[in-house]
Amino acid sequence: GNLNFWLHNVDGQPAGANPSPVISGNSQYQTCGRYSARVKVEGGDMSEYYMAWLLWPSNESMWASAESDYPEGNLRPGRTGVHGFFHYAPGQQEAFGDNSIDLHEWHTYTQEWTPLTRKYYVDDKLIHTTSNWVYNQPERWQLQTETNGNGNGNGHLLVDWVAVYSYTP
């Protein structure tokens, strides 16, 4: 089966989802690693929903120097591409993407985080590498799927599998 984020209205408002996988024991956090998920969107017009899966620091105040968003994209119908943002200092970020990707087809999205780089892949194809200041403290993986708060669309964000690997030099 699949993990099914059934995105729909609850009490008249669109409702999102934001799980965070446990990585080791009872912790969601690790420093460096590889994060992969096989995902697709299925359903009608979900223009009010947005996928923004991210690595988020355990020190919440450091988000502007540590947040790494990937995969990211609007769940509306059609080929919208996959995008990402790497925040490496307050007010400083790198934006990247691949506009050829259709989120309504199965794809595997991977982020690799090492002490010196972050690399982003679609179906094992490298689409971006950064070596700007790379955060070196624990982060958790948030499978954040959010809404703009308006609309009546509904559908499914299907997750075939996720995998998290620790960093081994």
N, C-alpha and C. Protein backbone atom coordinates (compact mmCIF):
# COMPACT_ATOMS: atom_id res chain seq x y z
N GLY A 1 0.80 -1.18 0.00
CA GLY A 1 0.00 0.00 0.00
C GLY A 1 0.86 1.26 0.00
N ASN A 2 0.18 2.37 0.02
CA ASN A 2 0.82 3.68 0.04
C ASN A 2 0.38 4.45 1.27
N LEU A 3 1.26 5.37 1.71
CA LEU A 3 0.84 6.39 2.65
C LEU A 3 0.04 7.37 1.81
N ASN A 4 -1.19 7.63 2.22
CA ASN A 4 -2.10 8.45 1.44
C ASN A 4 -2.39 9.73 2.22
N PHE A 5 -1.83 10.84 1.77
CA PHE A 5 -2.21 12.13 2.31
C PHE A 5 -3.50 12.51 1.58
N TRP A 6 -4.65 12.26 2.18
CA TRP A 6 -5.92 12.65 1.57
C TRP A 6 -6.13 14.11 1.89
N LEU A 7 -5.94 14.95 0.90
CA LEU A 7 -6.02 16.40 1.06
C LEU A 7 -7.43 16.84 0.71
N HIS A 8 -8.13 17.40 1.70
CA HIS A 8 -9.53 17.76 1.53
C HIS A 8 -9.92 18.78 2.60
N ASN A 9 -11.13 19.31 2.46
CA ASN A 9 -11.62 20.27 3.44
C ASN A 9 -12.04 19.56 4.73
N VAL A 10 -11.72 20.21 5.83
CA VAL A 10 -12.17 19.78 7.16
C VAL A 10 -12.83 21.01 7.79
N ASP A 11 -14.08 20.87 8.17
CA ASP A 11 -14.85 21.99 8.73
C ASP A 11 -14.80 23.21 7.82
N GLY A 12 -14.89 22.98 6.50
CA GLY A 12 -14.96 24.07 5.53
C GLY A 12 -13.63 24.68 5.12
N GLN A 13 -12.52 24.16 5.62
CA GLN A 13 -11.20 24.70 5.28
C GLN A 13 -10.29 23.59 4.77
N PRO A 14 -9.45 23.88 3.75
CA PRO A 14 -8.48 22.88 3.30
C PRO A 14 -7.55 22.52 4.45
N ALA A 15 -7.23 21.23 4.57
CA ALA A 15 -6.35 20.75 5.64
C ALA A 15 -5.13 20.07 5.02
N GLY A 16 -3.96 20.38 5.53
CA GLY A 16 -2.72 19.78 5.05
C GLY A 16 -2.26 18.66 5.96
N ALA A 17 -0.99 18.29 5.82
CA ALA A 17 -0.39 17.22 6.62
C ALA A 17 1.09 17.55 6.82
N ASN A 18 1.66 17.11 7.95
CA ASN A 18 3.05 17.46 8.24
C ASN A 18 3.73 16.41 9.13
N PRO A 19 3.78 15.13 8.69
CA PRO A 19 4.46 14.13 9.52
C PRO A 19 5.97 14.30 9.48
N SER A 20 6.62 13.78 10.51
CA SER A 20 8.09 13.79 10.58
C SER A 20 8.54 12.38 10.99
N PRO A 21 9.20 11.65 10.09
CA PRO A 21 9.60 10.28 10.40
C PRO A 21 10.59 10.19 11.56
N VAL A 22 10.42 9.15 12.38
CA VAL A 22 11.41 8.82 13.40
C VAL A 22 12.56 8.15 12.68
N ILE A 23 13.78 8.60 12.94
CA ILE A 23 14.94 8.10 12.21
C ILE A 23 15.68 7.02 12.99
N SER A 24 15.90 7.25 14.27
CA SER A 24 16.67 6.29 15.06
C SER A 24 16.11 6.27 16.48
N GLY A 25 15.74 5.09 16.97
CA GLY A 25 15.18 5.00 18.31
C GLY A 25 13.92 5.81 18.41
N ASN A 26 13.93 6.89 19.18
CA ASN A 26 12.76 7.77 19.27
C ASN A 26 13.10 9.18 18.80
N SER A 27 14.18 9.32 18.01
CA SER A 27 14.60 10.64 17.54
C SER A 27 14.26 10.86 16.08
N GLN A 28 13.90 12.09 15.77
CA GLN A 28 13.66 12.51 14.39
C GLN A 28 14.90 13.13 13.77
N TYR A 29 15.96 13.33 14.56
CA TYR A 29 17.10 14.15 14.15
C TYR A 29 18.33 13.33 13.82
N GLN A 30 19.09 13.86 12.86
CA GLN A 30 20.45 13.39 12.58
C GLN A 30 21.20 14.52 11.89
N THR A 31 22.52 14.41 11.90
CA THR A 31 23.37 15.39 11.21
C THR A 31 23.92 14.70 9.97
N CYS A 32 23.60 15.25 8.81
CA CYS A 32 23.95 14.71 7.49
C CYS A 32 23.18 13.43 7.22
N GLY A 33 23.13 13.03 5.97
CA GLY A 33 22.42 11.81 5.59
C GLY A 33 21.84 11.91 4.20
N ARG A 34 21.06 10.89 3.86
CA ARG A 34 20.39 10.80 2.57
C ARG A 34 18.91 10.57 2.84
N TYR A 35 18.05 11.36 2.18
CA TYR A 35 16.61 11.32 2.38
C TYR A 35 15.96 11.12 1.02
N SER A 36 15.19 10.05 0.87
CA SER A 36 14.55 9.74 -0.41
C SER A 36 13.09 9.38 -0.21
N ALA A 37 12.27 9.73 -1.21
CA ALA A 37 10.86 9.37 -1.20
C ALA A 37 10.37 9.20 -2.62
N ARG A 38 9.53 8.20 -2.82
CA ARG A 38 8.86 7.98 -4.11
C ARG A 38 7.42 8.44 -3.94
N VAL A 39 7.04 9.46 -4.74
CA VAL A 39 5.80 10.21 -4.50
C VAL A 39 5.09 10.53 -5.80
N LYS A 40 3.75 10.66 -5.73
CA LYS A 40 2.98 11.23 -6.85
C LYS A 40 1.69 11.83 -6.33
N VAL A 41 1.16 12.77 -7.11
CA VAL A 41 -0.11 13.42 -6.82
C VAL A 41 -1.18 12.74 -7.66
N GLU A 42 -2.36 12.56 -7.05
CA GLU A 42 -3.47 11.92 -7.77
C GLU A 42 -4.77 12.60 -7.36
N GLY A 43 -5.55 12.97 -8.33
CA GLY A 43 -6.85 13.56 -8.00
C GLY A 43 -7.14 14.79 -8.82
N GLY A 44 -8.11 15.54 -8.35
CA GLY A 44 -8.60 16.70 -9.07
C GLY A 44 -7.74 17.93 -8.90
N ASP A 45 -8.42 19.07 -8.99
CA ASP A 45 -7.73 20.36 -8.88
C ASP A 45 -7.39 20.62 -7.42
N MET A 46 -6.12 20.54 -7.10
CA MET A 46 -5.65 20.80 -5.74
C MET A 46 -4.75 22.03 -5.75
N SER A 47 -5.19 23.07 -6.44
CA SER A 47 -4.38 24.28 -6.58
C SER A 47 -4.06 24.94 -5.25
N GLU A 48 -4.88 24.70 -4.23
CA GLU A 48 -4.62 25.33 -2.93
C GLU A 48 -3.59 24.57 -2.09
N TYR A 49 -3.09 23.45 -2.60
CA TYR A 49 -2.12 22.65 -1.84
C TYR A 49 -0.72 22.77 -2.43
N TYR A 50 0.25 22.64 -1.54
CA TYR A 50 1.65 22.84 -1.90
C TYR A 50 2.51 21.86 -1.10
N MET A 51 3.39 21.17 -1.78
CA MET A 51 4.32 20.23 -1.15
C MET A 51 5.62 20.99 -0.86
N ALA A 52 6.05 20.97 0.39
CA ALA A 52 7.31 21.63 0.79
C ALA A 52 7.99 20.76 1.84
N TRP A 53 8.53 19.63 1.40
CA TRP A 53 9.22 18.73 2.31
C TRP A 53 10.58 19.33 2.62
N LEU A 54 11.01 19.25 3.85
CA LEU A 54 12.19 20.01 4.24
C LEU A 54 12.97 19.36 5.37
N LEU A 55 14.23 19.77 5.45
CA LEU A 55 15.06 19.48 6.61
C LEU A 55 15.04 20.73 7.48
N TRP A 56 14.75 20.55 8.78
CA TRP A 56 14.55 21.66 9.71
C TRP A 56 15.44 21.45 10.92
N PRO A 57 16.16 22.49 11.36
CA PRO A 57 17.13 22.33 12.45
C PRO A 57 16.48 22.12 13.81
N SER A 58 17.17 21.35 14.67
CA SER A 58 16.68 21.17 16.04
C SER A 58 16.73 22.49 16.81
N ASN A 59 17.68 23.36 16.45
CA ASN A 59 17.73 24.71 17.01
C ASN A 59 16.84 25.59 16.12
N GLU A 60 15.59 25.74 16.53
CA GLU A 60 14.59 26.43 15.71
C GLU A 60 15.03 27.82 15.25
N SER A 61 15.83 28.51 16.03
CA SER A 61 16.25 29.87 15.68
C SER A 61 17.23 29.89 14.51
N MET A 62 17.77 28.73 14.12
CA MET A 62 18.75 28.67 13.03
C MET A 62 18.14 28.38 11.67
N TRP A 63 16.81 28.37 11.56
CA TRP A 63 16.19 27.96 10.30
C TRP A 63 16.70 28.75 9.11
N ALA A 64 16.95 30.04 9.25
CA ALA A 64 17.37 30.87 8.11
C ALA A 64 18.76 30.51 7.61
N SER A 65 19.50 29.74 8.39
CA SER A 65 20.84 29.30 7.99
C SER A 65 20.92 27.79 7.80
N ALA A 66 19.77 27.11 7.83
CA ALA A 66 19.82 25.65 7.81
C ALA A 66 18.72 24.98 7.00
N GLU A 67 17.58 25.63 6.81
CA GLU A 67 16.44 24.98 6.17
C GLU A 67 16.78 24.59 4.73
N SER A 68 16.40 23.38 4.38
CA SER A 68 16.61 22.88 3.03
C SER A 68 15.31 22.25 2.55
N ASP A 69 14.64 22.90 1.60
CA ASP A 69 13.31 22.50 1.13
C ASP A 69 13.42 21.72 -0.18
N TYR A 70 13.04 20.43 -0.13
CA TYR A 70 13.04 19.62 -1.35
C TYR A 70 12.41 18.26 -1.06
N PRO A 71 11.50 17.82 -1.89
CA PRO A 71 10.92 18.45 -3.07
C PRO A 71 9.87 19.48 -2.67
N GLU A 72 9.68 20.43 -3.57
CA GLU A 72 8.72 21.49 -3.34
C GLU A 72 7.96 21.73 -4.65
N GLY A 73 6.63 21.95 -4.54
CA GLY A 73 5.85 22.24 -5.73
C GLY A 73 4.37 22.34 -5.47
N ASN A 74 3.67 23.08 -6.33
CA ASN A 74 2.23 23.23 -6.26
C ASN A 74 1.58 21.96 -6.79
N LEU A 75 0.49 21.53 -6.16
CA LEU A 75 -0.17 20.28 -6.53
C LEU A 75 -1.30 20.47 -7.53
N ARG A 76 -1.36 21.64 -8.18
CA ARG A 76 -2.40 21.89 -9.18
C ARG A 76 -2.19 20.96 -10.38
N PRO A 77 -3.22 20.79 -11.19
CA PRO A 77 -3.09 19.91 -12.37
C PRO A 77 -2.03 20.42 -13.34
N GLY A 78 -1.46 19.50 -14.08
CA GLY A 78 -0.49 19.85 -15.12
C GLY A 78 0.94 19.71 -14.65
N ARG A 79 1.82 19.92 -15.56
CA ARG A 79 3.26 19.80 -15.31
C ARG A 79 3.75 21.10 -14.68
N THR A 80 3.96 21.07 -13.38
CA THR A 80 4.37 22.28 -12.66
C THR A 80 5.84 22.26 -12.27
N GLY A 81 6.50 21.13 -12.46
CA GLY A 81 7.91 21.02 -12.10
C GLY A 81 8.11 20.78 -10.63
N VAL A 82 9.35 20.45 -10.29
CA VAL A 82 9.74 20.29 -8.89
C VAL A 82 10.80 21.34 -8.60
N HIS A 83 10.75 21.89 -7.40
CA HIS A 83 11.65 22.98 -7.04
C HIS A 83 12.23 22.74 -5.66
N GLY A 84 13.18 23.57 -5.30
CA GLY A 84 13.77 23.50 -3.98
C GLY A 84 14.43 24.82 -3.62
N PHE A 85 14.67 24.97 -2.32
CA PHE A 85 15.34 26.15 -1.79
C PHE A 85 16.30 25.70 -0.70
N PHE A 86 17.49 26.23 -0.74
CA PHE A 86 18.49 25.97 0.29
C PHE A 86 18.80 27.30 0.97
N HIS A 87 18.46 27.41 2.25
CA HIS A 87 18.69 28.62 3.04
C HIS A 87 20.03 28.46 3.75
N TYR A 88 21.00 29.31 3.44
CA TYR A 88 22.33 29.13 4.02
C TYR A 88 22.78 30.29 4.89
N ALA A 89 22.02 31.35 4.96
CA ALA A 89 22.30 32.49 5.84
C ALA A 89 21.04 33.35 5.87
N PRO A 90 20.83 34.14 6.91
CA PRO A 90 19.64 34.99 6.94
C PRO A 90 19.54 35.84 5.67
N GLY A 91 18.41 35.68 4.97
CA GLY A 91 18.19 36.43 3.74
C GLY A 91 18.91 35.88 2.52
N GLN A 92 19.63 34.78 2.67
CA GLN A 92 20.38 34.19 1.56
C GLN A 92 19.85 32.78 1.28
N GLN A 93 19.52 32.54 0.03
CA GLN A 93 19.05 31.21 -0.36
C GLN A 93 19.36 30.95 -1.81
N GLU A 94 19.41 29.69 -2.15
CA GLU A 94 19.54 29.25 -3.54
C GLU A 94 18.24 28.60 -3.93
N ALA A 95 17.71 28.99 -5.08
CA ALA A 95 16.51 28.37 -5.64
C ALA A 95 16.93 27.53 -6.83
N PHE A 96 16.29 26.41 -7.01
CA PHE A 96 16.61 25.53 -8.14
C PHE A 96 15.38 24.72 -8.48
N GLY A 97 15.41 24.04 -9.62
CA GLY A 97 14.29 23.20 -9.99
C GLY A 97 14.46 22.53 -11.33
N ASP A 98 13.50 21.70 -11.64
CA ASP A 98 13.43 21.01 -12.92
C ASP A 98 11.99 21.12 -13.39
N ASN A 99 11.72 22.00 -14.34
CA ASN A 99 10.36 22.25 -14.81
C ASN A 99 9.79 21.13 -15.67
N SER A 100 10.60 20.14 -16.04
CA SER A 100 10.11 19.04 -16.86
C SER A 100 9.38 17.98 -16.04
N ILE A 101 9.43 18.07 -14.73
CA ILE A 101 8.85 17.04 -13.86
C ILE A 101 7.35 17.27 -13.67
N ASP A 102 6.58 16.19 -13.84
CA ASP A 102 5.15 16.20 -13.58
C ASP A 102 4.93 15.51 -12.24
N LEU A 103 4.47 16.27 -11.23
CA LEU A 103 4.26 15.70 -9.90
C LEU A 103 3.15 14.66 -9.89
N HIS A 104 2.37 14.55 -10.99
CA HIS A 104 1.28 13.58 -11.09
C HIS A 104 1.77 12.24 -11.62
N GLU A 105 3.06 12.08 -11.76
CA GLU A 105 3.68 10.80 -12.13
C GLU A 105 4.61 10.38 -11.00
N TRP A 106 4.85 9.07 -10.87
CA TRP A 106 5.75 8.58 -9.84
C TRP A 106 7.17 9.07 -10.11
N HIS A 107 7.78 9.68 -9.10
CA HIS A 107 9.18 10.09 -9.15
C HIS A 107 9.81 9.86 -7.78
N THR A 108 11.11 9.65 -7.79
CA THR A 108 11.87 9.52 -6.55
C THR A 108 12.69 10.79 -6.37
N TYR A 109 12.49 11.44 -5.23
CA TYR A 109 13.17 12.68 -4.89
C TYR A 109 14.16 12.38 -3.77
N THR A 110 15.41 12.81 -3.96
CA THR A 110 16.46 12.52 -2.99
C THR A 110 17.25 13.77 -2.67
N GLN A 111 17.55 13.93 -1.39
CA GLN A 111 18.46 14.98 -0.93
C GLN A 111 19.60 14.30 -0.18
N GLU A 112 20.82 14.62 -0.57
CA GLU A 112 22.01 14.14 0.14
C GLU A 112 22.65 15.32 0.85
N TRP A 113 22.95 15.13 2.12
CA TRP A 113 23.53 16.18 2.96
C TRP A 113 24.82 15.64 3.55
N THR A 114 25.93 16.23 3.17
CA THR A 114 27.24 15.87 3.71
C THR A 114 27.80 17.10 4.44
N PRO A 115 28.92 16.97 5.13
CA PRO A 115 29.48 18.13 5.81
C PRO A 115 29.86 19.28 4.86
N LEU A 116 30.04 18.99 3.57
CA LEU A 116 30.50 20.01 2.63
C LEU A 116 29.50 20.38 1.53
N THR A 117 28.50 19.53 1.30
CA THR A 117 27.57 19.78 0.19
C THR A 117 26.15 19.34 0.52
N ARG A 118 25.22 19.85 -0.29
CA ARG A 118 23.87 19.29 -0.38
C ARG A 118 23.64 19.04 -1.87
N LYS A 119 23.11 17.86 -2.16
CA LYS A 119 22.81 17.48 -3.55
C LYS A 119 21.35 17.05 -3.63
N TYR A 120 20.73 17.39 -4.78
CA TYR A 120 19.30 17.16 -4.96
C TYR A 120 19.11 16.39 -6.27
N TYR A 121 18.31 15.31 -6.20
CA TYR A 121 18.12 14.41 -7.34
C TYR A 121 16.63 14.19 -7.61
N VAL A 122 16.31 13.93 -8.89
CA VAL A 122 15.01 13.38 -9.30
C VAL A 122 15.33 12.10 -10.05
N ASP A 123 14.78 10.99 -9.59
CA ASP A 123 15.00 9.69 -10.25
C ASP A 123 16.49 9.43 -10.49
N ASP A 124 17.30 9.69 -9.50
CA ASP A 124 18.76 9.51 -9.52
C ASP A 124 19.49 10.45 -10.46
N LYS A 125 18.80 11.44 -11.04
CA LYS A 125 19.44 12.46 -11.89
C LYS A 125 19.71 13.69 -11.02
N LEU A 126 20.98 14.07 -10.92
CA LEU A 126 21.37 15.25 -10.14
C LEU A 126 20.82 16.50 -10.81
N ILE A 127 20.06 17.33 -10.02
CA ILE A 127 19.54 18.58 -10.59
C ILE A 127 20.16 19.81 -9.93
N HIS A 128 20.80 19.65 -8.76
CA HIS A 128 21.45 20.80 -8.12
C HIS A 128 22.43 20.34 -7.06
N THR A 129 23.53 21.05 -6.97
CA THR A 129 24.52 20.85 -5.91
C THR A 129 24.88 22.21 -5.35
N THR A 130 25.00 22.29 -4.02
CA THR A 130 25.48 23.51 -3.40
C THR A 130 26.58 23.19 -2.41
N SER A 131 27.54 24.09 -2.35
CA SER A 131 28.59 23.99 -1.33
C SER A 131 28.68 25.29 -0.54
N ASN A 132 27.61 26.14 -0.67
CA ASN A 132 27.53 27.30 0.21
C ASN A 132 27.53 26.79 1.64
N TRP A 133 27.68 27.69 2.59
CA TRP A 133 27.75 27.30 3.99
C TRP A 133 26.73 26.20 4.26
N VAL A 134 27.21 25.03 4.70
CA VAL A 134 26.34 23.88 4.95
C VAL A 134 26.21 23.69 6.46
N TYR A 135 25.00 23.70 6.94
CA TYR A 135 24.70 23.54 8.37
C TYR A 135 25.26 22.22 8.90
N ASN A 136 25.76 22.22 10.13
CA ASN A 136 26.41 21.01 10.66
C ASN A 136 25.85 20.56 12.01
N GLN A 137 24.58 20.83 12.23
CA GLN A 137 23.90 20.40 13.46
C GLN A 137 22.69 19.54 13.08
N PRO A 138 22.09 18.84 14.05
CA PRO A 138 20.97 17.94 13.74
C PRO A 138 19.77 18.65 13.10
N GLU A 139 19.15 17.93 12.17
CA GLU A 139 17.92 18.39 11.54
C GLU A 139 16.93 17.23 11.47
N ARG A 140 15.64 17.57 11.36
CA ARG A 140 14.60 16.56 11.18
C ARG A 140 14.00 16.72 9.79
N TRP A 141 13.44 15.65 9.27
CA TRP A 141 12.79 15.64 7.97
C TRP A 141 11.29 15.84 8.19
N GLN A 142 10.74 16.91 7.63
CA GLN A 142 9.32 17.22 7.71
C GLN A 142 8.68 16.99 6.35
N LEU A 143 7.68 16.15 6.28
CA LEU A 143 6.98 15.88 5.02
C LEU A 143 5.77 16.83 4.95
N GLN A 144 6.09 18.10 4.89
CA GLN A 144 5.10 19.17 5.00
C GLN A 144 4.33 19.35 3.69
N THR A 145 3.02 19.20 3.78
CA THR A 145 2.13 19.46 2.66
C THR A 145 1.10 20.46 3.18
N GLU A 146 1.14 21.65 2.63
CA GLU A 146 0.41 22.77 3.21
C GLU A 146 -0.66 23.28 2.27
N THR A 147 -1.43 24.24 2.77
CA THR A 147 -2.51 24.83 2.01
C THR A 147 -2.45 26.35 2.13
N ASN A 148 -3.02 27.02 1.14
CA ASN A 148 -3.11 28.49 1.23
C ASN A 148 -4.36 28.93 1.98
N GLY A 149 -5.16 27.97 2.44
CA GLY A 149 -6.34 28.29 3.25
C GLY A 149 -7.61 28.56 2.48
N ASN A 150 -7.57 28.45 1.16
CA ASN A 150 -8.74 28.72 0.33
C ASN A 150 -8.95 27.60 -0.67
N GLY A 151 -10.20 27.29 -0.98
CA GLY A 151 -10.49 26.34 -2.03
C GLY A 151 -11.26 25.14 -1.55
N ASN A 152 -11.75 24.37 -2.53
CA ASN A 152 -12.55 23.18 -2.25
C ASN A 152 -11.97 21.94 -2.90
N GLY A 153 -10.75 22.02 -3.40
CA GLY A 153 -10.16 20.87 -4.08
C GLY A 153 -9.89 19.73 -3.13
N ASN A 154 -9.78 18.55 -3.70
CA ASN A 154 -9.37 17.41 -2.91
C ASN A 154 -8.68 16.41 -3.80
N GLY A 155 -7.85 15.61 -3.21
CA GLY A 155 -7.11 14.60 -3.94
C GLY A 155 -6.12 13.95 -3.00
N HIS A 156 -5.13 13.31 -3.59
CA HIS A 156 -4.23 12.48 -2.80
C HIS A 156 -2.77 12.76 -3.17
N LEU A 157 -1.95 12.85 -2.16
CA LEU A 157 -0.50 12.81 -2.32
C LEU A 157 -0.10 11.43 -1.85
N LEU A 158 0.30 10.58 -2.78
CA LEU A 158 0.62 9.19 -2.47
C LEU A 158 2.13 9.03 -2.28
N VAL A 159 2.51 8.33 -1.22
CA VAL A 159 3.91 8.07 -0.91
C VAL A 159 4.10 6.56 -0.98
N ASP A 160 4.85 6.10 -1.97
CA ASP A 160 5.13 4.68 -2.14
C ASP A 160 6.09 4.20 -1.06
N TRP A 161 7.15 4.98 -0.82
CA TRP A 161 8.12 4.65 0.23
C TRP A 161 8.96 5.87 0.56
N VAL A 162 9.54 5.85 1.74
CA VAL A 162 10.55 6.83 2.15
C VAL A 162 11.72 6.04 2.73
N ALA A 163 12.91 6.60 2.62
CA ALA A 163 14.10 5.97 3.20
C ALA A 163 15.03 7.06 3.69
N VAL A 164 15.60 6.84 4.87
CA VAL A 164 16.56 7.76 5.46
C VAL A 164 17.81 6.97 5.79
N TYR A 165 18.94 7.50 5.36
CA TYR A 165 20.22 6.84 5.62
C TYR A 165 21.11 7.80 6.40
N SER A 166 21.89 7.26 7.31
CA SER A 166 22.85 8.08 8.04
C SER A 166 24.06 8.35 7.15
N TYR A 167 24.79 9.38 7.48
CA TYR A 167 25.97 9.75 6.72
C TYR A 167 27.13 8.87 7.13
N THR A 168 27.80 8.31 6.13
CA THR A 168 29.03 7.54 6.34
C THR A 168 30.09 8.13 5.43
N PRO A 169 31.16 8.71 6.02
CA PRO A 169 32.21 9.32 5.18
C PRO A 169 32.89 8.30 4.27
